[in-house]
Amino acid sequence: MPLPDLAFLRMEKNGDVLVDVHVVPNAAKTQAVGLHGEAGQQALRLRLQAPPVDGKANQALVKWLAGCLGIPQQAVTLARGETSRRKQLRVNAAAADWAAWDELAKALGKDGPPA
């Protein structure tokens, strides 16, 4: 499935996909709530039900993204931002080829973020 044109997604030369995320931990429920940041620096804003303790929020983030894309959790790794609200996740190239990227766009509401 082709990668949609979303500001927070970038394809690497090796086929891996980087997903920029801004997390808000301790939310009532886990859900994507739009974009965060200025143009060119935007990240997916995601409320996480998990607390930012002992890596629980990072685990919940990986689980949510893998579930949303319909890929195994092992295909998603935290590339940077272990203790930061701003994180970058890596989806390996093999899983990125068949990931349901349109489901990620739907998670933002409507058919994706506003233009």
N, C-alpha and C. Protein backbone atom coordinates (compact mmCIF):
# COMPACT_ATOMS: atom_id res chain seq x y z
N MET A 1 0.86 -1.18 0.00
CA MET A 1 0.00 0.00 0.00
C MET A 1 0.90 1.24 0.00
N PRO A 2 0.61 2.20 -0.87
CA PRO A 2 1.47 3.39 -0.92
C PRO A 2 1.34 4.23 0.35
N LEU A 3 2.42 4.92 0.65
CA LEU A 3 2.46 5.78 1.83
C LEU A 3 1.66 7.06 1.55
N PRO A 4 0.67 7.39 2.39
CA PRO A 4 -0.08 8.62 2.15
C PRO A 4 0.78 9.84 2.41
N ASP A 5 0.37 10.96 1.85
CA ASP A 5 1.11 12.21 2.01
C ASP A 5 0.69 12.87 3.32
N LEU A 6 1.26 12.39 4.42
CA LEU A 6 0.97 12.95 5.73
C LEU A 6 2.25 13.58 6.27
N ALA A 7 2.13 14.75 6.88
CA ALA A 7 3.29 15.54 7.31
C ALA A 7 4.19 14.80 8.30
N PHE A 8 3.65 13.85 9.05
CA PHE A 8 4.42 13.19 10.10
C PHE A 8 5.03 11.86 9.65
N LEU A 9 4.92 11.52 8.37
CA LEU A 9 5.49 10.28 7.84
C LEU A 9 6.64 10.60 6.88
N ARG A 10 7.73 9.84 7.00
CA ARG A 10 8.86 9.97 6.08
C ARG A 10 9.41 8.60 5.74
N MET A 11 9.65 8.37 4.45
CA MET A 11 10.23 7.09 4.06
C MET A 11 11.74 7.24 3.96
N GLU A 12 12.45 6.28 4.54
CA GLU A 12 13.91 6.24 4.47
C GLU A 12 14.32 5.57 3.16
N LYS A 13 15.59 5.73 2.79
CA LYS A 13 16.09 5.12 1.56
C LYS A 13 15.97 3.60 1.58
N ASN A 14 16.08 2.99 2.77
CA ASN A 14 16.01 1.53 2.88
C ASN A 14 14.57 1.01 2.91
N GLY A 15 13.58 1.91 2.84
CA GLY A 15 12.19 1.49 2.83
C GLY A 15 11.50 1.57 4.19
N ASP A 16 12.28 1.76 5.28
CA ASP A 16 11.68 1.96 6.59
C ASP A 16 10.88 3.27 6.57
N VAL A 17 9.86 3.34 7.40
CA VAL A 17 9.05 4.56 7.51
C VAL A 17 9.20 5.12 8.92
N LEU A 18 9.50 6.42 9.01
CA LEU A 18 9.60 7.11 10.29
C LEU A 18 8.29 7.83 10.55
N VAL A 19 7.79 7.69 11.77
CA VAL A 19 6.54 8.33 12.17
C VAL A 19 6.85 9.26 13.33
N ASP A 20 6.66 10.56 13.13
CA ASP A 20 6.88 11.54 14.20
C ASP A 20 5.60 11.67 15.02
N VAL A 21 5.76 11.58 16.34
CA VAL A 21 4.60 11.58 17.24
C VAL A 21 4.85 12.52 18.41
N HIS A 22 3.82 13.24 18.83
CA HIS A 22 3.84 14.03 20.06
C HIS A 22 2.81 13.39 20.98
N VAL A 23 3.28 12.85 22.11
CA VAL A 23 2.36 12.13 23.00
C VAL A 23 1.93 12.97 24.19
N VAL A 24 0.70 12.73 24.60
CA VAL A 24 0.15 13.32 25.81
C VAL A 24 -0.27 12.14 26.69
N PRO A 25 0.56 11.79 27.69
CA PRO A 25 0.25 10.62 28.52
C PRO A 25 -0.86 10.89 29.52
N ASN A 26 -1.32 9.84 30.17
CA ASN A 26 -2.36 9.91 31.21
C ASN A 26 -3.70 10.44 30.70
N ALA A 27 -4.03 10.15 29.46
CA ALA A 27 -5.32 10.58 28.90
C ALA A 27 -6.41 9.60 29.30
N ALA A 28 -7.65 10.02 29.13
CA ALA A 28 -8.78 9.15 29.46
C ALA A 28 -8.80 7.92 28.56
N LYS A 29 -8.44 8.10 27.27
CA LYS A 29 -8.33 6.97 26.36
C LYS A 29 -7.28 7.27 25.31
N THR A 30 -6.77 6.22 24.68
CA THR A 30 -5.75 6.37 23.65
C THR A 30 -6.41 6.71 22.33
N GLN A 31 -6.00 7.85 21.75
CA GLN A 31 -6.57 8.25 20.47
C GLN A 31 -5.71 9.32 19.81
N ALA A 32 -5.72 9.33 18.48
CA ALA A 32 -5.05 10.38 17.71
C ALA A 32 -5.96 11.61 17.74
N VAL A 33 -5.37 12.78 17.96
CA VAL A 33 -6.19 13.99 18.07
C VAL A 33 -5.72 15.10 17.13
N GLY A 34 -5.02 14.77 16.06
CA GLY A 34 -4.63 15.78 15.09
C GLY A 34 -3.13 15.90 14.97
N LEU A 35 -2.71 17.11 14.58
CA LEU A 35 -1.30 17.38 14.37
C LEU A 35 -0.76 18.33 15.41
N HIS A 36 0.54 18.28 15.64
CA HIS A 36 1.20 19.14 16.61
C HIS A 36 2.42 19.75 15.94
N GLY A 37 2.62 21.04 16.14
CA GLY A 37 3.81 21.69 15.61
C GLY A 37 3.53 22.54 14.38
N GLU A 38 4.60 23.18 13.92
CA GLU A 38 4.50 24.07 12.76
C GLU A 38 4.72 23.29 11.48
N ALA A 39 4.32 23.88 10.36
CA ALA A 39 4.50 23.24 9.05
C ALA A 39 5.96 22.87 8.86
N GLY A 40 6.18 21.69 8.34
CA GLY A 40 7.54 21.20 8.14
C GLY A 40 8.11 20.49 9.35
N GLN A 41 7.49 20.66 10.52
CA GLN A 41 7.95 20.04 11.76
C GLN A 41 6.80 19.32 12.46
N GLN A 42 5.76 18.98 11.70
CA GLN A 42 4.56 18.44 12.32
C GLN A 42 4.71 16.99 12.76
N ALA A 43 4.00 16.67 13.84
CA ALA A 43 3.96 15.32 14.38
C ALA A 43 2.50 14.96 14.62
N LEU A 44 2.23 13.67 14.61
CA LEU A 44 0.91 13.17 14.97
C LEU A 44 0.72 13.39 16.47
N ARG A 45 -0.33 14.08 16.85
CA ARG A 45 -0.61 14.29 18.28
C ARG A 45 -1.47 13.13 18.76
N LEU A 46 -0.97 12.44 19.78
CA LEU A 46 -1.63 11.23 20.24
C LEU A 46 -1.78 11.27 21.75
N ARG A 47 -3.02 11.11 22.20
CA ARG A 47 -3.28 10.97 23.64
C ARG A 47 -3.12 9.51 24.00
N LEU A 48 -2.33 9.25 25.05
CA LEU A 48 -2.10 7.88 25.50
C LEU A 48 -2.69 7.67 26.88
N GLN A 49 -3.40 6.59 27.04
CA GLN A 49 -3.99 6.28 28.34
C GLN A 49 -2.90 5.90 29.35
N ALA A 50 -1.79 5.38 28.87
CA ALA A 50 -0.72 4.89 29.76
C ALA A 50 0.03 6.04 30.44
N PRO A 51 0.53 5.81 31.65
CA PRO A 51 1.34 6.82 32.34
C PRO A 51 2.79 6.77 31.83
N PRO A 52 3.51 7.90 31.93
CA PRO A 52 4.90 7.92 31.48
C PRO A 52 5.85 7.36 32.53
N VAL A 53 5.62 6.12 32.95
CA VAL A 53 6.39 5.49 34.02
C VAL A 53 6.92 4.15 33.52
N ASP A 54 8.18 3.87 33.76
CA ASP A 54 8.79 2.58 33.42
C ASP A 54 8.57 2.17 31.97
N GLY A 55 8.54 3.12 31.06
CA GLY A 55 8.39 2.81 29.65
C GLY A 55 6.99 2.38 29.23
N LYS A 56 6.01 2.52 30.13
CA LYS A 56 4.65 2.07 29.81
C LYS A 56 4.04 2.87 28.66
N ALA A 57 4.29 4.17 28.63
CA ALA A 57 3.75 4.99 27.55
C ALA A 57 4.37 4.59 26.21
N ASN A 58 5.68 4.31 26.20
CA ASN A 58 6.34 3.90 24.96
C ASN A 58 5.79 2.57 24.47
N GLN A 59 5.57 1.63 25.39
CA GLN A 59 5.01 0.33 25.02
C GLN A 59 3.60 0.50 24.46
N ALA A 60 2.81 1.36 25.09
CA ALA A 60 1.44 1.60 24.64
C ALA A 60 1.44 2.26 23.26
N LEU A 61 2.40 3.14 23.03
CA LEU A 61 2.52 3.83 21.74
C LEU A 61 2.83 2.84 20.63
N VAL A 62 3.80 1.97 20.86
CA VAL A 62 4.17 0.94 19.86
C VAL A 62 2.97 0.03 19.59
N LYS A 63 2.29 -0.40 20.66
CA LYS A 63 1.13 -1.28 20.52
C LYS A 63 0.02 -0.60 19.72
N TRP A 64 -0.25 0.67 20.02
CA TRP A 64 -1.30 1.41 19.31
C TRP A 64 -0.98 1.54 17.83
N LEU A 65 0.26 1.94 17.50
CA LEU A 65 0.61 2.14 16.09
C LEU A 65 0.56 0.82 15.33
N ALA A 66 1.11 -0.23 15.91
CA ALA A 66 1.08 -1.55 15.26
C ALA A 66 -0.36 -2.00 15.03
N GLY A 67 -1.21 -1.81 16.04
CA GLY A 67 -2.62 -2.19 15.91
C GLY A 67 -3.34 -1.38 14.85
N CYS A 68 -3.07 -0.10 14.80
CA CYS A 68 -3.69 0.80 13.83
C CYS A 68 -3.29 0.40 12.40
N LEU A 69 -2.02 0.05 12.23
CA LEU A 69 -1.51 -0.30 10.90
C LEU A 69 -1.73 -1.76 10.53
N GLY A 70 -2.14 -2.58 11.52
CA GLY A 70 -2.36 -3.99 11.26
C GLY A 70 -1.08 -4.76 11.01
N ILE A 71 -0.02 -4.40 11.74
CA ILE A 71 1.28 -5.06 11.59
C ILE A 71 1.74 -5.58 12.95
N PRO A 72 2.68 -6.53 12.99
CA PRO A 72 3.17 -7.03 14.27
C PRO A 72 3.91 -5.95 15.07
N GLN A 73 3.81 -6.01 16.39
CA GLN A 73 4.48 -5.02 17.23
C GLN A 73 6.00 -5.03 17.03
N GLN A 74 6.57 -6.21 16.70
CA GLN A 74 8.02 -6.29 16.51
C GLN A 74 8.47 -5.45 15.31
N ALA A 75 7.55 -5.10 14.40
CA ALA A 75 7.90 -4.31 13.22
C ALA A 75 8.03 -2.83 13.55
N VAL A 76 7.60 -2.43 14.76
CA VAL A 76 7.63 -1.03 15.17
C VAL A 76 8.64 -0.87 16.31
N THR A 77 9.57 0.06 16.14
CA THR A 77 10.56 0.33 17.19
C THR A 77 10.61 1.83 17.47
N LEU A 78 11.01 2.15 18.69
CA LEU A 78 11.18 3.55 19.08
C LEU A 78 12.56 3.99 18.59
N ALA A 79 12.60 4.91 17.64
CA ALA A 79 13.87 5.36 17.07
C ALA A 79 14.52 6.44 17.93
N ARG A 80 13.69 7.33 18.49
CA ARG A 80 14.22 8.36 19.38
C ARG A 80 13.12 8.95 20.24
N GLY A 81 13.53 9.57 21.34
CA GLY A 81 12.58 10.24 22.22
C GLY A 81 12.07 9.39 23.37
N GLU A 82 12.90 8.50 23.87
CA GLU A 82 12.46 7.57 24.92
C GLU A 82 11.83 8.27 26.12
N THR A 83 12.40 9.41 26.54
CA THR A 83 11.87 10.11 27.71
C THR A 83 11.24 11.45 27.35
N SER A 84 11.03 11.70 26.08
CA SER A 84 10.48 12.96 25.61
C SER A 84 9.03 12.77 25.16
N ARG A 85 8.28 13.86 25.10
CA ARG A 85 6.93 13.79 24.53
C ARG A 85 7.00 13.66 23.02
N ARG A 86 8.05 14.21 22.44
CA ARG A 86 8.26 14.12 20.99
C ARG A 86 9.04 12.85 20.69
N LYS A 87 8.44 11.96 19.94
CA LYS A 87 9.05 10.65 19.68
C LYS A 87 9.07 10.38 18.19
N GLN A 88 9.93 9.45 17.82
CA GLN A 88 9.98 9.01 16.44
C GLN A 88 9.96 7.48 16.44
N LEU A 89 9.01 6.93 15.73
CA LEU A 89 8.89 5.48 15.62
C LEU A 89 9.34 5.05 14.24
N ARG A 90 9.91 3.86 14.17
CA ARG A 90 10.36 3.30 12.89
C ARG A 90 9.55 2.05 12.59
N VAL A 91 8.96 2.03 11.40
CA VAL A 91 8.25 0.84 10.92
C VAL A 91 9.17 0.20 9.89
N ASN A 92 9.57 -1.06 10.12
CA ASN A 92 10.54 -1.67 9.20
C ASN A 92 9.94 -1.83 7.81
N ALA A 93 10.83 -1.86 6.82
CA ALA A 93 10.43 -1.82 5.42
C ALA A 93 9.49 -2.96 5.03
N ALA A 94 9.74 -4.16 5.54
CA ALA A 94 8.90 -5.30 5.19
C ALA A 94 7.46 -5.07 5.62
N ALA A 95 7.27 -4.59 6.84
CA ALA A 95 5.91 -4.33 7.34
C ALA A 95 5.32 -3.08 6.70
N ALA A 96 6.16 -2.09 6.41
CA ALA A 96 5.68 -0.84 5.83
C ALA A 96 5.02 -1.08 4.47
N ASP A 97 5.50 -2.10 3.74
CA ASP A 97 4.94 -2.42 2.42
C ASP A 97 3.48 -2.81 2.49
N TRP A 98 3.08 -3.51 3.55
CA TRP A 98 1.69 -3.96 3.62
C TRP A 98 0.90 -3.35 4.78
N ALA A 99 1.48 -2.34 5.43
CA ALA A 99 0.77 -1.66 6.53
C ALA A 99 -0.44 -0.90 6.00
N ALA A 100 -1.47 -0.80 6.82
CA ALA A 100 -2.71 -0.10 6.46
C ALA A 100 -2.57 1.39 6.78
N TRP A 101 -1.78 2.10 5.97
CA TRP A 101 -1.52 3.52 6.22
C TRP A 101 -2.80 4.34 6.18
N ASP A 102 -3.77 3.92 5.36
CA ASP A 102 -5.04 4.67 5.30
C ASP A 102 -5.78 4.61 6.63
N GLU A 103 -5.56 3.54 7.42
CA GLU A 103 -6.17 3.45 8.74
C GLU A 103 -5.59 4.51 9.68
N LEU A 104 -4.31 4.81 9.51
CA LEU A 104 -3.68 5.85 10.33
C LEU A 104 -4.29 7.20 9.98
N ALA A 105 -4.52 7.45 8.70
CA ALA A 105 -5.16 8.70 8.27
C ALA A 105 -6.58 8.78 8.84
N LYS A 106 -7.30 7.65 8.83
CA LYS A 106 -8.67 7.63 9.38
C LYS A 106 -8.67 7.89 10.88
N ALA A 107 -7.62 7.44 11.58
CA ALA A 107 -7.55 7.63 13.02
C ALA A 107 -7.50 9.11 13.38
N LEU A 108 -7.05 9.92 12.43
CA LEU A 108 -7.03 11.37 12.64
C LEU A 108 -8.41 11.98 12.52
N GLY A 109 -9.33 11.22 11.99
CA GLY A 109 -10.67 11.74 11.76
C GLY A 109 -10.81 12.12 10.30
N LYS A 110 -12.00 12.07 9.81
CA LYS A 110 -12.29 12.32 8.41
C LYS A 110 -11.41 11.42 7.54
N ASP A 111 -10.81 11.99 6.50
CA ASP A 111 -9.94 11.21 5.62
C ASP A 111 -8.50 11.62 5.80
N GLY A 112 -8.18 12.19 6.94
CA GLY A 112 -6.80 12.62 7.20
C GLY A 112 -6.79 14.00 7.80
N PRO A 113 -5.62 14.58 8.00
CA PRO A 113 -5.53 15.89 8.62
C PRO A 113 -5.98 16.97 7.65
N PRO A 114 -6.37 18.12 8.18
CA PRO A 114 -6.75 19.22 7.30
C PRO A 114 -5.56 19.67 6.46
N ALA A 115 -5.86 20.09 5.26
CA ALA A 115 -4.78 20.50 4.33
C ALA A 115 -4.18 21.83 4.71
